[in-house]
Amino acid sequence: MELYDGRPISEDGRLSREIRTYDFLDNLDIKYKRTDHEPANTMKACNEIDAVLDILICKNLFLCNRQRTKFYLLMMPGDKKFKTKELSSQINSARLSFADAEDMLKYLDIEPGAVSVMGLMNDKNTDVELLIDEDVLKGEYLGCHPCVCTSSLKMKTADVIEKFLPATGHDYTTVHLVGED
């Protein structure tokens, strides 16, 4: 794996959702580093990507309430454990579960394995509420996928909060997750 500045030189073999992500970031003048890789199906593969980017990539979870009327994108440190009960009380939504792949595609234009804050650029009606663990906000940089699971990006957290989110029409709620047993 190599680290590159910005978008790929060639769009050959790239999905349109990935190219749209680079276009969106470039139009906002957000600088980013990128690495291409095989889908990361193991923690070892994730750790290798983290090492190339020199960051801890965020764990991004696409959640919904039991009635599937509210959808949430949770960004948390990749090394924290997720506990539904811990989050439910903070957002007043009982019975949280993982949303279906169909909903992920419908709202974020993302498939399982590629969930990322970048998908919010596709949520034109702001149906998805963004939740960010406070520890993610403390980091100077964050890592995420450009709407595909075969590339990863590193960008300044401030650029995501101050430039990217306003351009998508989304705000966020800060949550506190302990993630311990």
N, C-alpha and C. Protein backbone atom coordinates (compact mmCIF):
# COMPACT_ATOMS: atom_id res chain seq x y z
N MET A 1 0.83 -1.19 0.00
CA MET A 1 0.00 0.00 0.00
C MET A 1 0.87 1.24 0.00
N GLU A 2 0.45 2.20 -0.79
CA GLU A 2 1.15 3.48 -0.84
C GLU A 2 0.21 4.59 -0.40
N LEU A 3 0.80 5.70 0.02
CA LEU A 3 0.03 6.86 0.43
C LEU A 3 0.12 7.91 -0.67
N TYR A 4 -1.03 8.40 -1.10
CA TYR A 4 -1.10 9.38 -2.18
C TYR A 4 -1.75 10.67 -1.67
N ASP A 5 -1.41 11.78 -2.31
CA ASP A 5 -2.10 13.03 -2.06
C ASP A 5 -3.30 13.11 -2.99
N GLY A 6 -4.50 13.23 -2.43
CA GLY A 6 -5.69 13.45 -3.24
C GLY A 6 -6.18 12.27 -4.04
N ARG A 7 -6.95 12.59 -5.06
CA ARG A 7 -7.68 11.62 -5.87
C ARG A 7 -6.74 10.79 -6.75
N PRO A 8 -7.24 9.66 -7.24
CA PRO A 8 -6.44 8.85 -8.17
C PRO A 8 -6.25 9.60 -9.50
N ILE A 9 -5.15 9.35 -10.14
CA ILE A 9 -4.87 9.98 -11.43
C ILE A 9 -5.86 9.48 -12.48
N SER A 10 -6.14 8.18 -12.45
CA SER A 10 -7.08 7.58 -13.41
C SER A 10 -8.36 7.15 -12.70
N GLU A 11 -9.48 7.29 -13.37
CA GLU A 11 -10.76 6.85 -12.82
C GLU A 11 -11.10 5.43 -13.25
N ASP A 12 -10.25 4.81 -14.05
CA ASP A 12 -10.50 3.44 -14.54
C ASP A 12 -10.70 2.48 -13.37
N GLY A 13 -11.76 1.71 -13.44
CA GLY A 13 -12.05 0.71 -12.42
C GLY A 13 -12.61 1.26 -11.13
N ARG A 14 -12.87 2.54 -11.08
CA ARG A 14 -13.42 3.17 -9.87
C ARG A 14 -14.92 3.33 -10.00
N LEU A 15 -15.65 3.12 -8.92
CA LEU A 15 -17.09 3.30 -8.93
C LEU A 15 -17.44 4.78 -8.94
N SER A 16 -18.57 5.11 -9.51
CA SER A 16 -18.98 6.52 -9.60
C SER A 16 -19.15 7.13 -8.21
N ARG A 17 -19.59 6.35 -7.21
CA ARG A 17 -19.75 6.91 -5.86
C ARG A 17 -18.41 7.33 -5.27
N GLU A 18 -17.35 6.62 -5.63
CA GLU A 18 -16.02 7.00 -5.15
C GLU A 18 -15.56 8.29 -5.83
N ILE A 19 -15.74 8.39 -7.13
CA ILE A 19 -15.34 9.59 -7.88
C ILE A 19 -16.14 10.80 -7.40
N ARG A 20 -17.44 10.60 -7.12
CA ARG A 20 -18.26 11.69 -6.59
C ARG A 20 -17.73 12.19 -5.25
N THR A 21 -17.20 11.28 -4.45
CA THR A 21 -16.62 11.67 -3.16
C THR A 21 -15.42 12.57 -3.37
N TYR A 22 -14.52 12.19 -4.27
CA TYR A 22 -13.34 13.02 -4.55
C TYR A 22 -13.76 14.37 -5.12
N ASP A 23 -14.75 14.37 -6.01
CA ASP A 23 -15.24 15.63 -6.58
C ASP A 23 -15.78 16.54 -5.47
N PHE A 24 -16.55 15.97 -4.57
CA PHE A 24 -17.15 16.73 -3.47
C PHE A 24 -16.06 17.35 -2.59
N LEU A 25 -15.09 16.52 -2.20
CA LEU A 25 -14.00 17.01 -1.34
C LEU A 25 -13.16 18.06 -2.06
N ASP A 26 -12.86 17.82 -3.32
CA ASP A 26 -12.05 18.78 -4.09
C ASP A 26 -12.77 20.11 -4.25
N ASN A 27 -14.09 20.07 -4.48
CA ASN A 27 -14.87 21.31 -4.62
C ASN A 27 -14.89 22.12 -3.34
N LEU A 28 -14.74 21.44 -2.21
CA LEU A 28 -14.71 22.13 -0.91
C LEU A 28 -13.28 22.50 -0.50
N ASP A 29 -12.32 22.18 -1.36
CA ASP A 29 -10.91 22.43 -1.09
C ASP A 29 -10.45 21.74 0.19
N ILE A 30 -10.92 20.51 0.39
CA ILE A 30 -10.49 19.70 1.53
C ILE A 30 -9.34 18.83 1.05
N LYS A 31 -8.20 18.96 1.71
CA LYS A 31 -7.02 18.16 1.38
C LYS A 31 -7.13 16.81 2.07
N TYR A 32 -6.69 15.78 1.38
CA TYR A 32 -6.75 14.44 1.96
C TYR A 32 -5.64 13.57 1.39
N LYS A 33 -5.25 12.59 2.17
CA LYS A 33 -4.32 11.54 1.76
C LYS A 33 -5.18 10.31 1.47
N ARG A 34 -4.70 9.45 0.59
CA ARG A 34 -5.47 8.28 0.18
C ARG A 34 -4.56 7.08 0.02
N THR A 35 -5.09 5.93 0.39
CA THR A 35 -4.42 4.67 0.09
C THR A 35 -5.45 3.71 -0.49
N ASP A 36 -5.02 2.90 -1.44
CA ASP A 36 -5.89 1.88 -2.03
C ASP A 36 -5.49 0.53 -1.46
N HIS A 37 -6.47 -0.35 -1.31
CA HIS A 37 -6.21 -1.64 -0.66
C HIS A 37 -7.32 -2.62 -0.99
N GLU A 38 -7.10 -3.85 -0.63
CA GLU A 38 -8.15 -4.87 -0.72
C GLU A 38 -9.16 -4.58 0.39
N PRO A 39 -10.40 -5.06 0.25
CA PRO A 39 -11.36 -4.86 1.35
C PRO A 39 -10.78 -5.40 2.65
N ALA A 40 -10.88 -4.62 3.71
CA ALA A 40 -10.32 -5.00 5.00
C ALA A 40 -11.32 -5.85 5.77
N ASN A 41 -11.12 -7.16 5.73
CA ASN A 41 -12.05 -8.09 6.39
C ASN A 41 -11.55 -8.59 7.73
N THR A 42 -10.33 -8.21 8.09
CA THR A 42 -9.75 -8.65 9.36
C THR A 42 -9.16 -7.45 10.09
N MET A 43 -8.96 -7.61 11.39
CA MET A 43 -8.34 -6.53 12.18
C MET A 43 -6.90 -6.31 11.71
N LYS A 44 -6.22 -7.37 11.30
CA LYS A 44 -4.85 -7.24 10.82
C LYS A 44 -4.82 -6.32 9.58
N ALA A 45 -5.75 -6.53 8.66
CA ALA A 45 -5.82 -5.69 7.46
C ALA A 45 -6.12 -4.25 7.83
N CYS A 46 -7.03 -4.06 8.78
CA CYS A 46 -7.37 -2.70 9.24
C CYS A 46 -6.15 -2.03 9.86
N ASN A 47 -5.40 -2.78 10.65
CA ASN A 47 -4.20 -2.23 11.29
C ASN A 47 -3.16 -1.82 10.26
N GLU A 48 -3.04 -2.58 9.18
CA GLU A 48 -2.09 -2.24 8.12
C GLU A 48 -2.49 -0.93 7.44
N ILE A 49 -3.78 -0.75 7.20
CA ILE A 49 -4.28 0.49 6.60
C ILE A 49 -4.03 1.66 7.54
N ASP A 50 -4.33 1.46 8.83
CA ASP A 50 -4.09 2.50 9.84
C ASP A 50 -2.62 2.92 9.84
N ALA A 51 -1.73 1.94 9.72
CA ALA A 51 -0.28 2.22 9.74
C ALA A 51 0.13 3.06 8.53
N VAL A 52 -0.41 2.76 7.36
CA VAL A 52 -0.08 3.53 6.15
C VAL A 52 -0.58 4.97 6.29
N LEU A 53 -1.80 5.13 6.81
CA LEU A 53 -2.38 6.47 6.97
C LEU A 53 -1.86 7.19 8.22
N ASP A 54 -1.22 6.43 9.11
CA ASP A 54 -0.71 6.96 10.38
C ASP A 54 -1.83 7.54 11.24
N ILE A 55 -2.94 6.84 11.30
CA ILE A 55 -4.09 7.21 12.12
C ILE A 55 -4.85 5.95 12.52
N LEU A 56 -5.82 6.12 13.39
CA LEU A 56 -6.75 5.04 13.70
C LEU A 56 -8.04 5.36 12.95
N ILE A 57 -8.40 4.52 12.00
CA ILE A 57 -9.59 4.76 11.20
C ILE A 57 -10.83 4.62 12.10
N CYS A 58 -11.80 5.48 11.86
CA CYS A 58 -13.05 5.44 12.62
C CYS A 58 -13.83 4.18 12.31
N LYS A 59 -14.50 3.70 13.33
CA LYS A 59 -15.50 2.66 13.14
C LYS A 59 -16.78 3.42 12.84
N ASN A 60 -17.45 3.08 11.75
CA ASN A 60 -18.68 3.75 11.34
C ASN A 60 -19.80 2.73 11.34
N LEU A 61 -20.82 2.97 12.12
CA LEU A 61 -21.94 2.04 12.24
C LEU A 61 -23.22 2.72 11.78
N PHE A 62 -23.97 2.03 10.93
CA PHE A 62 -25.24 2.55 10.44
C PHE A 62 -26.34 1.85 11.22
N LEU A 63 -27.05 2.62 12.02
CA LEU A 63 -28.01 2.09 12.98
C LEU A 63 -29.41 2.63 12.71
N CYS A 64 -30.40 1.95 13.28
CA CYS A 64 -31.78 2.43 13.18
C CYS A 64 -32.54 2.03 14.43
N ASN A 65 -33.70 2.69 14.62
CA ASN A 65 -34.58 2.29 15.71
C ASN A 65 -35.38 1.06 15.27
N ARG A 66 -36.13 0.49 16.17
CA ARG A 66 -36.86 -0.74 15.87
C ARG A 66 -37.87 -0.56 14.74
N GLN A 67 -38.49 0.61 14.68
CA GLN A 67 -39.51 0.88 13.67
C GLN A 67 -38.91 1.24 12.31
N ARG A 68 -37.60 1.42 12.27
CA ARG A 68 -36.88 1.83 11.05
C ARG A 68 -37.39 3.18 10.53
N THR A 69 -37.67 4.07 11.49
CA THR A 69 -38.11 5.42 11.13
C THR A 69 -37.02 6.45 11.40
N LYS A 70 -36.01 6.06 12.18
CA LYS A 70 -34.88 6.94 12.47
C LYS A 70 -33.60 6.18 12.17
N PHE A 71 -32.70 6.88 11.46
CA PHE A 71 -31.43 6.26 11.08
C PHE A 71 -30.29 7.11 11.62
N TYR A 72 -29.23 6.43 12.04
CA TYR A 72 -28.09 7.09 12.66
C TYR A 72 -26.80 6.56 12.05
N LEU A 73 -25.85 7.45 11.86
CA LEU A 73 -24.50 7.07 11.49
C LEU A 73 -23.63 7.41 12.69
N LEU A 74 -23.03 6.40 13.28
CA LEU A 74 -22.19 6.59 14.46
C LEU A 74 -20.73 6.47 14.07
N MET A 75 -19.96 7.51 14.40
CA MET A 75 -18.51 7.49 14.21
C MET A 75 -17.87 7.34 15.58
N MET A 76 -17.02 6.32 15.72
CA MET A 76 -16.35 6.09 16.98
C MET A 76 -14.95 5.56 16.73
N PRO A 77 -14.05 5.66 17.71
CA PRO A 77 -12.72 5.11 17.50
C PRO A 77 -12.79 3.62 17.18
N GLY A 78 -11.96 3.20 16.26
CA GLY A 78 -11.99 1.81 15.81
C GLY A 78 -11.66 0.80 16.89
N ASP A 79 -10.99 1.24 17.96
CA ASP A 79 -10.61 0.30 19.01
C ASP A 79 -11.59 0.27 20.18
N LYS A 80 -12.68 1.02 20.10
CA LYS A 80 -13.70 1.00 21.15
C LYS A 80 -14.75 -0.04 20.83
N LYS A 81 -15.28 -0.66 21.89
CA LYS A 81 -16.39 -1.60 21.71
C LYS A 81 -17.70 -0.83 21.70
N PHE A 82 -18.62 -1.27 20.83
CA PHE A 82 -19.92 -0.61 20.75
C PHE A 82 -20.93 -1.34 21.63
N LYS A 83 -21.63 -0.57 22.48
CA LYS A 83 -22.68 -1.12 23.33
C LYS A 83 -23.95 -0.32 23.07
N THR A 84 -24.95 -0.99 22.54
CA THR A 84 -26.20 -0.34 22.18
C THR A 84 -26.80 0.41 23.35
N LYS A 85 -26.83 -0.20 24.50
CA LYS A 85 -27.45 0.40 25.69
C LYS A 85 -26.80 1.74 26.04
N GLU A 86 -25.49 1.80 25.89
CA GLU A 86 -24.75 3.01 26.21
C GLU A 86 -25.17 4.19 25.33
N LEU A 87 -25.44 3.91 24.07
CA LEU A 87 -25.82 4.96 23.13
C LEU A 87 -27.31 5.29 23.21
N SER A 88 -28.14 4.27 23.34
CA SER A 88 -29.60 4.46 23.34
C SER A 88 -30.06 5.52 24.32
N SER A 89 -29.52 5.49 25.52
CA SER A 89 -29.95 6.44 26.54
C SER A 89 -29.54 7.87 26.19
N GLN A 90 -28.45 8.04 25.47
CA GLN A 90 -27.97 9.39 25.14
C GLN A 90 -28.77 10.04 24.01
N ILE A 91 -29.38 9.22 23.16
CA ILE A 91 -30.13 9.79 22.03
C ILE A 91 -31.63 9.53 22.15
N ASN A 92 -32.06 9.02 23.31
CA ASN A 92 -33.48 8.74 23.56
C ASN A 92 -34.10 7.87 22.47
N SER A 93 -33.42 6.80 22.15
CA SER A 93 -33.94 5.88 21.14
C SER A 93 -33.66 4.46 21.61
N ALA A 94 -34.69 3.83 22.10
CA ALA A 94 -34.54 2.45 22.56
C ALA A 94 -34.52 1.50 21.38
N ARG A 95 -34.00 0.33 21.63
CA ARG A 95 -34.00 -0.74 20.63
C ARG A 95 -33.23 -0.40 19.36
N LEU A 96 -32.04 0.12 19.50
CA LEU A 96 -31.20 0.37 18.33
C LEU A 96 -30.67 -0.94 17.78
N SER A 97 -30.56 -1.00 16.48
CA SER A 97 -29.95 -2.17 15.85
C SER A 97 -29.25 -1.72 14.58
N PHE A 98 -28.55 -2.64 13.97
CA PHE A 98 -27.88 -2.32 12.71
C PHE A 98 -28.92 -2.23 11.61
N ALA A 99 -28.82 -1.20 10.81
CA ALA A 99 -29.77 -1.01 9.70
C ALA A 99 -29.43 -2.00 8.58
N ASP A 100 -30.41 -2.24 7.74
CA ASP A 100 -30.25 -3.16 6.62
C ASP A 100 -29.37 -2.57 5.53
N ALA A 101 -28.78 -3.44 4.74
CA ALA A 101 -27.96 -3.02 3.60
C ALA A 101 -28.78 -2.19 2.62
N GLU A 102 -30.06 -2.52 2.47
CA GLU A 102 -30.92 -1.78 1.55
C GLU A 102 -31.08 -0.32 1.98
N ASP A 103 -31.21 -0.11 3.30
CA ASP A 103 -31.33 1.25 3.82
C ASP A 103 -30.00 2.01 3.68
N MET A 104 -28.91 1.30 3.87
CA MET A 104 -27.60 1.90 3.71
C MET A 104 -27.42 2.43 2.28
N LEU A 105 -27.86 1.63 1.33
CA LEU A 105 -27.77 2.02 -0.08
C LEU A 105 -28.75 3.15 -0.39
N LYS A 106 -29.95 3.05 0.16
CA LYS A 106 -30.99 4.05 -0.09
C LYS A 106 -30.60 5.43 0.43
N TYR A 107 -30.10 5.50 1.65
CA TYR A 107 -29.83 6.79 2.28
C TYR A 107 -28.42 7.32 2.04
N LEU A 108 -27.43 6.43 2.01
CA LEU A 108 -26.04 6.87 1.92
C LEU A 108 -25.34 6.49 0.62
N ASP A 109 -25.99 5.68 -0.21
CA ASP A 109 -25.36 5.15 -1.43
C ASP A 109 -24.04 4.47 -1.10
N ILE A 110 -24.10 3.64 -0.06
CA ILE A 110 -22.93 2.89 0.40
C ILE A 110 -23.35 1.46 0.64
N GLU A 111 -22.41 0.54 0.42
CA GLU A 111 -22.67 -0.88 0.68
C GLU A 111 -21.95 -1.29 1.96
N PRO A 112 -22.37 -2.40 2.57
CA PRO A 112 -21.70 -2.87 3.79
C PRO A 112 -20.20 -2.98 3.59
N GLY A 113 -19.47 -2.58 4.62
CA GLY A 113 -18.01 -2.60 4.55
C GLY A 113 -17.42 -1.26 4.15
N ALA A 114 -18.25 -0.36 3.65
CA ALA A 114 -17.76 0.95 3.19
C ALA A 114 -18.44 2.11 3.90
N VAL A 115 -19.16 1.83 4.99
CA VAL A 115 -19.90 2.88 5.69
C VAL A 115 -18.92 3.96 6.13
N SER A 116 -19.32 5.21 5.90
CA SER A 116 -18.43 6.33 6.14
C SER A 116 -19.22 7.62 6.23
N VAL A 117 -18.66 8.58 6.93
CA VAL A 117 -19.26 9.92 7.00
C VAL A 117 -19.40 10.52 5.60
N MET A 118 -18.58 10.09 4.66
CA MET A 118 -18.65 10.61 3.29
C MET A 118 -20.01 10.31 2.65
N GLY A 119 -20.68 9.26 3.10
CA GLY A 119 -21.99 8.91 2.56
C GLY A 119 -23.04 9.97 2.82
N LEU A 120 -22.82 10.85 3.79
CA LEU A 120 -23.80 11.90 4.09
C LEU A 120 -23.97 12.87 2.93
N MET A 121 -23.00 12.93 2.02
CA MET A 121 -23.16 13.80 0.85
C MET A 121 -24.27 13.28 -0.06
N ASN A 122 -24.64 12.02 0.10
CA ASN A 122 -25.71 11.41 -0.70
C ASN A 122 -27.06 11.46 -0.01
N ASP A 123 -27.09 11.88 1.24
CA ASP A 123 -28.32 11.95 2.03
C ASP A 123 -28.93 13.34 1.87
N LYS A 124 -29.51 13.58 0.72
CA LYS A 124 -30.02 14.92 0.36
C LYS A 124 -31.14 15.41 1.26
N ASN A 125 -31.92 14.51 1.83
CA ASN A 125 -33.04 14.89 2.70
C ASN A 125 -32.66 14.91 4.18
N THR A 126 -31.39 14.73 4.48
CA THR A 126 -30.88 14.65 5.85
C THR A 126 -31.71 13.71 6.73
N ASP A 127 -31.96 12.52 6.19
CA ASP A 127 -32.69 11.50 6.94
C ASP A 127 -31.84 10.80 7.99
N VAL A 128 -30.53 10.89 7.84
CA VAL A 128 -29.60 10.20 8.74
C VAL A 128 -29.01 11.20 9.72
N GLU A 129 -29.09 10.86 11.00
CA GLU A 129 -28.52 11.72 12.05
C GLU A 129 -27.11 11.24 12.34
N LEU A 130 -26.16 12.17 12.34
CA LEU A 130 -24.76 11.84 12.60
C LEU A 130 -24.47 11.94 14.10
N LEU A 131 -23.88 10.88 14.64
CA LEU A 131 -23.46 10.83 16.03
C LEU A 131 -21.95 10.62 16.03
N ILE A 132 -21.22 11.45 16.77
CA ILE A 132 -19.77 11.34 16.80
C ILE A 132 -19.30 11.19 18.23
N ASP A 133 -18.57 10.12 18.51
CA ASP A 133 -18.00 9.94 19.83
C ASP A 133 -16.99 11.07 20.08
N GLU A 134 -16.99 11.59 21.30
CA GLU A 134 -16.15 12.72 21.65
C GLU A 134 -14.66 12.47 21.39
N ASP A 135 -14.22 11.22 21.47
CA ASP A 135 -12.81 10.92 21.24
C ASP A 135 -12.42 11.11 19.77
N VAL A 136 -13.35 10.91 18.85
CA VAL A 136 -13.07 11.17 17.43
C VAL A 136 -12.83 12.65 17.22
N LEU A 137 -13.60 13.48 17.90
CA LEU A 137 -13.48 14.93 17.75
C LEU A 137 -12.17 15.47 18.33
N LYS A 138 -11.56 14.73 19.23
CA LYS A 138 -10.30 15.16 19.85
C LYS A 138 -9.11 14.99 18.92
N GLY A 139 -9.23 14.11 17.94
CA GLY A 139 -8.11 13.83 17.05
C GLY A 139 -7.95 14.91 15.98
N GLU A 140 -6.70 15.20 15.62
CA GLU A 140 -6.45 16.18 14.57
C GLU A 140 -6.90 15.66 13.20
N TYR A 141 -6.76 14.35 13.01
CA TYR A 141 -7.14 13.73 11.74
C TYR A 141 -8.13 12.61 11.99
N LEU A 142 -8.89 12.29 10.95
CA LEU A 142 -9.73 11.10 11.01
C LEU A 142 -9.60 10.35 9.69
N GLY A 143 -9.90 9.08 9.76
CA GLY A 143 -9.81 8.23 8.58
C GLY A 143 -11.17 7.66 8.25
N CYS A 144 -11.44 7.52 6.96
CA CYS A 144 -12.73 6.98 6.52
C CYS A 144 -12.61 6.50 5.08
N HIS A 145 -13.62 5.79 4.64
CA HIS A 145 -13.69 5.32 3.26
C HIS A 145 -14.35 6.38 2.37
N PRO A 146 -13.94 6.46 1.10
CA PRO A 146 -14.61 7.35 0.15
C PRO A 146 -15.80 6.65 -0.52
N CYS A 147 -16.69 6.11 0.31
CA CYS A 147 -17.92 5.42 -0.14
C CYS A 147 -17.64 4.08 -0.82
N VAL A 148 -16.42 3.59 -0.74
CA VAL A 148 -16.06 2.25 -1.21
C VAL A 148 -15.10 1.64 -0.18
N CYS A 149 -15.03 0.32 -0.13
CA CYS A 149 -14.19 -0.32 0.89
C CYS A 149 -12.79 -0.66 0.39
N THR A 150 -12.42 -0.17 -0.80
CA THR A 150 -11.12 -0.48 -1.37
C THR A 150 -10.16 0.71 -1.35
N SER A 151 -10.56 1.77 -0.71
CA SER A 151 -9.70 2.94 -0.50
C SER A 151 -10.02 3.52 0.87
N SER A 152 -9.04 4.20 1.44
CA SER A 152 -9.23 4.88 2.71
C SER A 152 -8.59 6.25 2.64
N LEU A 153 -9.20 7.20 3.34
CA LEU A 153 -8.75 8.58 3.33
C LEU A 153 -8.34 9.04 4.71
N LYS A 154 -7.43 10.01 4.73
CA LYS A 154 -7.03 10.69 5.96
C LYS A 154 -7.22 12.18 5.70
N MET A 155 -7.97 12.83 6.57
CA MET A 155 -8.19 14.27 6.42
C MET A 155 -8.32 14.90 7.80
N LYS A 156 -8.20 16.21 7.83
CA LYS A 156 -8.31 16.91 9.11
C LYS A 156 -9.74 16.82 9.63
N THR A 157 -9.85 16.50 10.89
CA THR A 157 -11.16 16.42 11.54
C THR A 157 -11.89 17.75 11.40
N ALA A 158 -11.18 18.85 11.56
CA ALA A 158 -11.79 20.18 11.46
C ALA A 158 -12.39 20.40 10.08
N ASP A 159 -11.75 19.89 9.02
CA ASP A 159 -12.30 20.06 7.67
C ASP A 159 -13.62 19.30 7.51
N VAL A 160 -13.70 18.13 8.13
CA VAL A 160 -14.94 17.36 8.05
C VAL A 160 -16.05 18.10 8.80
N ILE A 161 -15.74 18.60 9.99
CA ILE A 161 -16.74 19.28 10.82
C ILE A 161 -17.12 20.65 10.27
N GLU A 162 -16.13 21.42 9.84
CA GLU A 162 -16.38 22.82 9.46
C GLU A 162 -16.67 23.04 7.98
N LYS A 163 -16.26 22.13 7.12
CA LYS A 163 -16.49 22.30 5.69
C LYS A 163 -17.43 21.24 5.11
N PHE A 164 -17.09 19.96 5.35
CA PHE A 164 -17.84 18.87 4.73
C PHE A 164 -19.28 18.81 5.25
N LEU A 165 -19.46 18.74 6.56
CA LEU A 165 -20.82 18.60 7.11
C LEU A 165 -21.73 19.75 6.71
N PRO A 166 -21.31 21.01 6.84
CA PRO A 166 -22.20 22.09 6.40
C PRO A 166 -22.58 21.98 4.92
N ALA A 167 -21.65 21.51 4.09
CA ALA A 167 -21.94 21.38 2.66
C ALA A 167 -22.96 20.28 2.38
N THR A 168 -23.09 19.33 3.30
CA THR A 168 -24.07 18.24 3.14
C THR A 168 -25.41 18.60 3.79
N GLY A 169 -25.43 19.67 4.59
CA GLY A 169 -26.64 20.04 5.31
C GLY A 169 -26.81 19.29 6.62
N HIS A 170 -25.78 18.57 7.05
CA HIS A 170 -25.86 17.78 8.28
C HIS A 170 -25.16 18.48 9.43
N ASP A 171 -25.69 18.26 10.61
CA ASP A 171 -25.05 18.65 11.85
C ASP A 171 -24.66 17.35 12.54
N TYR A 172 -24.21 17.41 13.76
CA TYR A 172 -23.89 16.18 14.48
C TYR A 172 -24.19 16.34 15.96
N THR A 173 -24.31 15.21 16.61
CA THR A 173 -24.50 15.15 18.05
C THR A 173 -23.28 14.45 18.63
N THR A 174 -22.68 15.06 19.63
CA THR A 174 -21.53 14.44 20.30
C THR A 174 -22.06 13.44 21.32
N VAL A 175 -21.48 12.25 21.32
CA VAL A 175 -21.86 11.22 22.30
C VAL A 175 -20.62 10.78 23.06
N HIS A 176 -20.84 10.22 24.23
CA HIS A 176 -19.76 9.73 25.08
C HIS A 176 -19.92 8.22 25.22
N LEU A 177 -19.00 7.49 24.61
CA LEU A 177 -19.03 6.03 24.68
C LEU A 177 -17.82 5.54 25.45
N VAL A 178 -18.06 4.75 26.49
CA VAL A 178 -16.96 4.21 27.28
C VAL A 178 -16.39 2.99 26.56
N GLY A 179 -17.28 2.13 26.10
CA GLY A 179 -16.86 0.97 25.32
C GLY A 179 -16.13 -0.10 26.09
N GLU A 180 -16.34 -0.15 27.40
CA GLU A 180 -15.66 -1.18 28.19
C GLU A 180 -16.67 -2.18 28.71
N ASP A 181 -16.15 -3.35 29.07
CA ASP A 181 -17.01 -4.40 29.62
C ASP A 181 -17.40 -4.10 31.04
